Amino acid sequence: MANTPQAEKRIRRNERRAAVNKARLSRIRTHVKKVESAIAAGDKAGAAAALQAAQPELARGVAKGVLHKNTASRKLSRLTKQVSALA
């Protein structure tokens, strides 16, 4: 339990930031899933369009501190590789 006003404020702030970060991470995951479902369906044009939409979301996640730089880079690289492999 918080004993000082500063600690109470920190708890309130942490809860607000956690909600924002959770929403941001959920948004990123949704974009990635759209790419993956288009790849699974074999829709190259749809997958490429979804990848174009997912790329800035991943970059924004890195900039906001929700994702590690290498994690976003790895996800983007793997998705790009899968999209380009579609015939």
Protein backbone atom coordinates (compact mmCIF):
# COMPACT_ATOMS: atom_id res chain seq x y z
CA MET A 1 0.00 0.00 0.00
CA ALA A 2 1.26 3.47 -0.85
CA ASN A 3 2.27 5.54 2.15
CA THR A 4 3.01 8.89 0.50
CA PRO A 5 1.11 11.13 -1.90
CA GLN A 6 3.93 10.69 -4.39
CA ALA A 7 3.57 6.89 -4.29
CA GLU A 8 -0.22 7.17 -4.71
CA LYS A 9 0.21 9.40 -7.72
CA ARG A 10 2.78 7.00 -9.20
CA ILE A 11 0.28 4.14 -8.87
CA ARG A 12 -2.42 6.16 -10.67
CA ARG A 13 0.01 7.14 -13.42
CA ASN A 14 1.23 3.56 -13.86
CA GLU A 15 -2.34 2.32 -14.27
CA ARG A 16 -3.05 4.92 -16.96
CA ARG A 17 0.17 4.14 -18.83
CA ALA A 18 -0.48 0.39 -18.60
CA ALA A 19 -3.90 0.89 -20.22
CA VAL A 20 -2.39 2.94 -23.05
CA ASN A 21 0.40 0.45 -23.63
CA LYS A 22 -2.03 -2.49 -23.59
CA ALA A 23 -4.19 -0.82 -26.25
CA ARG A 24 -1.12 -0.02 -28.35
CA LEU A 25 0.18 -3.60 -28.15
CA SER A 26 -3.25 -4.98 -29.01
CA ARG A 27 -3.40 -2.73 -32.07
CA ILE A 28 0.01 -3.97 -33.24
CA ARG A 29 -1.00 -7.61 -32.75
CA THR A 30 -4.20 -7.04 -34.74
CA HIS A 31 -2.23 -5.64 -37.69
CA VAL A 32 0.22 -8.55 -37.58
CA LYS A 33 -2.66 -11.06 -37.48
CA LYS A 34 -4.22 -9.44 -40.56
CA VAL A 35 -0.98 -10.04 -42.47
CA GLU A 36 -0.74 -13.62 -41.23
CA SER A 37 -4.34 -14.42 -42.18
CA ALA A 38 -3.83 -12.98 -45.67
CA ILE A 39 -0.69 -15.13 -46.03
CA ALA A 40 -2.61 -18.21 -44.87
CA ALA A 41 -5.34 -17.46 -47.44
CA GLY A 42 -2.72 -17.11 -50.17
CA ASP A 43 -3.77 -13.54 -51.00
CA LYS A 44 -0.52 -11.87 -52.04
CA ALA A 45 -2.05 -8.46 -52.80
CA GLY A 46 -3.99 -8.43 -49.53
CA ALA A 47 -0.97 -9.59 -47.57
CA ALA A 48 1.22 -6.89 -49.12
CA ALA A 49 -1.37 -4.21 -48.30
CA ALA A 50 -1.73 -5.49 -44.72
CA LEU A 51 2.06 -5.53 -44.37
CA GLN A 52 2.23 -1.90 -45.50
CA ALA A 53 -0.29 -1.05 -42.76
CA ALA A 54 1.50 -3.12 -40.10
CA GLN A 55 4.95 -1.65 -40.72
CA PRO A 56 4.27 1.84 -39.27
CA GLU A 57 2.40 0.29 -36.33
CA LEU A 58 5.45 -1.80 -35.45
CA ALA A 59 7.72 1.24 -35.80
CA ARG A 60 5.40 3.28 -33.59
CA GLY A 61 5.46 0.53 -30.97
CA VAL A 62 9.25 0.74 -30.90
CA ALA A 63 9.20 4.53 -30.68
CA LYS A 64 6.73 4.44 -27.79
CA GLY A 65 8.68 1.78 -25.92
CA VAL A 66 6.08 -0.98 -26.15
CA LEU A 67 8.23 -3.27 -28.31
CA HIS A 68 11.96 -3.84 -28.41
CA LYS A 69 13.63 -2.66 -31.61
CA ASN A 70 14.93 -6.12 -32.50
CA THR A 71 11.55 -7.75 -31.85
CA ALA A 72 9.80 -5.42 -34.28
CA SER A 73 12.59 -5.86 -36.83
CA ARG A 74 12.38 -9.64 -36.55
CA LYS A 75 8.58 -9.68 -36.95
CA LEU A 76 8.73 -7.36 -39.95
CA SER A 77 11.52 -9.37 -41.58
CA ARG A 78 9.71 -12.68 -41.18
CA LEU A 79 6.40 -11.30 -42.44
CA THR A 80 8.08 -9.67 -45.45
CA LYS A 81 9.83 -12.93 -46.27
CA GLN A 82 6.53 -14.85 -46.11
CA VAL A 83 4.69 -12.30 -48.27
CA SER A 84 7.40 -12.31 -50.93
CA ALA A 85 7.37 -16.13 -50.98
CA LEU A 86 3.70 -16.17 -52.02
CA ALA A 87 3.29 -17.03 -55.67
